């Protein structure tokens, strides 16, 4: 059985380092391995692109139902 997620290669965005980095996960937060700052899943630009993609998909599905 092969896991679909490789936790050893996972990366999150560190605003202090301004790049995607390896991280340490606690129960509530994730921290950059390099500098110790809190990390988040996406950079601001990637987050906006992700949300725009979701919005476009929603509009596409909405238009298909109306036909």
N, C-alpha and C. Protein backbone atom coordinates (compact mmCIF):
# COMPACT_ATOMS: atom_id res chain seq x y z
N UNK A 1 0.84 -1.18 0.00
CA UNK A 1 0.00 0.00 0.00
C UNK A 1 0.88 1.24 0.00
N UNK A 2 0.70 2.09 -0.99
CA UNK A 2 1.48 3.32 -1.10
C UNK A 2 0.65 4.50 -0.62
N UNK A 3 1.15 5.25 0.35
CA UNK A 3 0.40 6.43 0.79
C UNK A 3 0.36 7.49 -0.30
N UNK A 4 -0.75 8.22 -0.41
CA UNK A 4 -0.88 9.24 -1.46
C UNK A 4 -0.15 10.52 -1.09
N UNK A 5 0.17 10.71 0.17
CA UNK A 5 0.84 11.92 0.62
C UNK A 5 2.18 11.53 1.23
N UNK A 6 3.23 12.19 0.78
CA UNK A 6 4.55 11.96 1.35
C UNK A 6 4.85 13.09 2.32
N UNK A 7 4.63 12.85 3.59
CA UNK A 7 4.78 13.90 4.60
C UNK A 7 6.21 14.40 4.73
N UNK A 8 7.18 13.59 4.33
CA UNK A 8 8.57 14.01 4.44
C UNK A 8 8.94 15.05 3.40
N UNK A 9 8.17 15.14 2.32
CA UNK A 9 8.46 16.11 1.27
C UNK A 9 7.44 17.25 1.23
N UNK A 10 6.52 17.30 2.17
CA UNK A 10 5.51 18.35 2.19
C UNK A 10 6.15 19.69 2.50
N UNK A 11 5.61 20.73 1.87
CA UNK A 11 6.11 22.09 2.10
C UNK A 11 4.94 23.03 2.27
N UNK A 12 5.16 24.08 3.04
CA UNK A 12 4.19 25.16 3.22
C UNK A 12 4.93 26.47 3.02
N UNK A 13 4.17 27.55 2.87
CA UNK A 13 4.76 28.85 2.59
C UNK A 13 5.16 29.56 3.88
N UNK A 14 6.40 30.02 3.92
CA UNK A 14 6.91 30.80 5.06
C UNK A 14 7.00 32.26 4.63
N UNK A 15 6.21 33.15 5.25
CA UNK A 15 6.27 34.57 4.88
C UNK A 15 7.62 35.21 5.21
N UNK A 16 8.30 34.72 6.21
CA UNK A 16 9.61 35.30 6.58
C UNK A 16 10.68 34.93 5.55
N UNK A 17 10.69 33.68 5.13
CA UNK A 17 11.68 33.22 4.14
C UNK A 17 11.23 33.53 2.71
N UNK A 18 9.94 33.81 2.53
CA UNK A 18 9.35 34.11 1.23
C UNK A 18 9.51 32.97 0.23
N UNK A 19 9.32 31.75 0.72
CA UNK A 19 9.37 30.58 -0.14
C UNK A 19 8.68 29.41 0.54
N UNK A 20 8.45 28.37 -0.23
CA UNK A 20 7.87 27.15 0.33
C UNK A 20 8.99 26.36 0.99
N UNK A 21 8.74 25.96 2.23
CA UNK A 21 9.79 25.33 3.05
C UNK A 21 9.25 24.09 3.74
N UNK A 22 10.15 23.27 4.22
CA UNK A 22 9.77 22.16 5.08
C UNK A 22 9.33 22.75 6.41
N UNK A 23 8.51 22.02 7.13
CA UNK A 23 7.94 22.58 8.35
C UNK A 23 7.78 21.52 9.42
N UNK A 24 7.65 21.99 10.65
CA UNK A 24 7.35 21.14 11.79
C UNK A 24 5.90 21.38 12.16
N UNK A 25 5.17 20.31 12.37
CA UNK A 25 3.74 20.40 12.67
C UNK A 25 3.50 20.14 14.15
N UNK A 26 2.82 21.07 14.81
CA UNK A 26 2.36 20.82 16.17
C UNK A 26 0.87 20.56 16.09
N UNK A 27 0.20 20.48 17.20
CA UNK A 27 -1.24 20.21 17.21
C UNK A 27 -2.04 21.34 16.57
N UNK A 28 -1.60 22.60 16.73
CA UNK A 28 -2.37 23.74 16.26
C UNK A 28 -1.68 24.56 15.17
N UNK A 29 -0.38 24.51 15.08
CA UNK A 29 0.37 25.39 14.19
C UNK A 29 1.42 24.59 13.42
N UNK A 30 1.97 25.23 12.40
CA UNK A 30 3.11 24.69 11.66
C UNK A 30 4.20 25.75 11.67
N UNK A 31 5.45 25.31 11.77
CA UNK A 31 6.57 26.24 11.88
C UNK A 31 7.66 25.90 10.88
N UNK A 32 8.27 26.93 10.32
CA UNK A 32 9.36 26.80 9.35
C UNK A 32 10.56 26.12 10.00
N UNK A 33 11.14 25.17 9.31
CA UNK A 33 12.33 24.48 9.82
C UNK A 33 13.53 25.43 9.82
N UNK A 34 13.59 26.33 8.84
CA UNK A 34 14.76 27.21 8.71
C UNK A 34 14.78 28.35 9.73
N UNK A 35 13.63 29.04 9.91
CA UNK A 35 13.66 30.24 10.75
C UNK A 35 12.74 30.17 11.97
N UNK A 36 11.84 29.19 12.03
CA UNK A 36 10.95 29.05 13.17
C UNK A 36 9.66 29.83 13.11
N UNK A 37 9.44 30.60 12.04
CA UNK A 37 8.21 31.38 11.89
C UNK A 37 7.03 30.47 11.58
N UNK A 38 5.83 30.96 11.88
CA UNK A 38 4.63 30.23 11.51
C UNK A 38 4.53 30.20 9.98
N UNK A 39 4.12 29.06 9.46
CA UNK A 39 3.93 28.93 8.02
C UNK A 39 2.46 28.76 7.71
N UNK A 40 2.11 28.95 6.46
CA UNK A 40 0.73 28.75 6.02
C UNK A 40 0.74 27.92 4.75
N UNK A 41 -0.42 27.46 4.36
CA UNK A 41 -0.50 26.54 3.23
C UNK A 41 -0.08 27.18 1.92
N UNK A 42 -0.53 28.41 1.63
CA UNK A 42 -0.26 29.07 0.36
C UNK A 42 0.36 30.44 0.56
N UNK A 43 1.09 30.90 -0.46
CA UNK A 43 1.48 32.31 -0.50
C UNK A 43 0.24 33.11 -0.86
N UNK A 44 0.30 34.42 -0.74
CA UNK A 44 -0.86 35.27 -1.04
C UNK A 44 -1.28 35.12 -2.50
N UNK A 45 -0.32 35.13 -3.42
CA UNK A 45 -0.63 35.01 -4.85
C UNK A 45 -1.21 33.64 -5.17
N UNK A 46 -0.63 32.58 -4.61
CA UNK A 46 -1.13 31.23 -4.86
C UNK A 46 -2.52 31.03 -4.25
N UNK A 47 -2.76 31.64 -3.11
CA UNK A 47 -4.08 31.55 -2.47
C UNK A 47 -5.14 32.20 -3.35
N UNK A 48 -4.82 33.37 -3.89
CA UNK A 48 -5.76 34.07 -4.76
C UNK A 48 -6.02 33.27 -6.04
N UNK A 49 -4.99 32.70 -6.61
CA UNK A 49 -5.15 31.88 -7.82
C UNK A 49 -6.02 30.66 -7.52
N UNK A 50 -5.82 30.05 -6.37
CA UNK A 50 -6.63 28.90 -5.96
C UNK A 50 -8.10 29.29 -5.81
N UNK A 51 -8.37 30.40 -5.14
CA UNK A 51 -9.74 30.87 -4.95
C UNK A 51 -10.39 31.26 -6.28
N UNK A 52 -9.62 31.89 -7.17
CA UNK A 52 -10.14 32.24 -8.49
C UNK A 52 -10.50 30.98 -9.28
N UNK A 53 -9.68 29.94 -9.16
CA UNK A 53 -9.98 28.68 -9.83
C UNK A 53 -11.25 28.04 -9.29
N UNK A 54 -11.43 28.09 -7.98
CA UNK A 54 -12.66 27.55 -7.39
C UNK A 54 -13.89 28.32 -7.88
N UNK A 55 -13.75 29.63 -7.96
CA UNK A 55 -14.86 30.47 -8.41
C UNK A 55 -15.21 30.16 -9.86
N UNK A 56 -14.19 29.98 -10.69
CA UNK A 56 -14.42 29.67 -12.10
C UNK A 56 -15.09 28.30 -12.25
N UNK A 57 -14.65 27.32 -11.46
CA UNK A 57 -15.27 25.99 -11.50
C UNK A 57 -16.73 26.06 -11.06
N UNK A 58 -17.00 26.86 -10.06
CA UNK A 58 -18.37 27.00 -9.57
C UNK A 58 -19.27 27.60 -10.65
N UNK A 59 -18.76 28.62 -11.34
CA UNK A 59 -19.52 29.25 -12.41
C UNK A 59 -19.77 28.27 -13.55
N UNK A 60 -18.77 27.46 -13.88
CA UNK A 60 -18.91 26.48 -14.95
C UNK A 60 -19.99 25.46 -14.60
N UNK A 61 -19.96 24.96 -13.37
CA UNK A 61 -20.98 23.99 -12.94
C UNK A 61 -22.37 24.63 -12.91
N UNK A 62 -22.44 25.88 -12.50
CA UNK A 62 -23.72 26.59 -12.43
C UNK A 62 -24.32 26.74 -13.82
N UNK A 63 -23.48 27.08 -14.80
CA UNK A 63 -23.95 27.25 -16.18
C UNK A 63 -24.38 25.93 -16.80
N UNK A 64 -23.75 24.83 -16.44
CA UNK A 64 -24.11 23.53 -17.00
C UNK A 64 -25.48 23.07 -16.49
N UNK A 65 -25.82 23.38 -15.25
CA UNK A 65 -27.11 22.97 -14.68
C UNK A 65 -28.29 23.71 -15.30
N UNK A 66 -28.05 24.95 -15.73
CA UNK A 66 -29.12 25.79 -16.23
C UNK A 66 -29.61 25.33 -17.61
N UNK A 67 -28.78 24.69 -18.38
CA UNK A 67 -29.11 24.31 -19.76
C UNK A 67 -30.37 23.57 -19.84
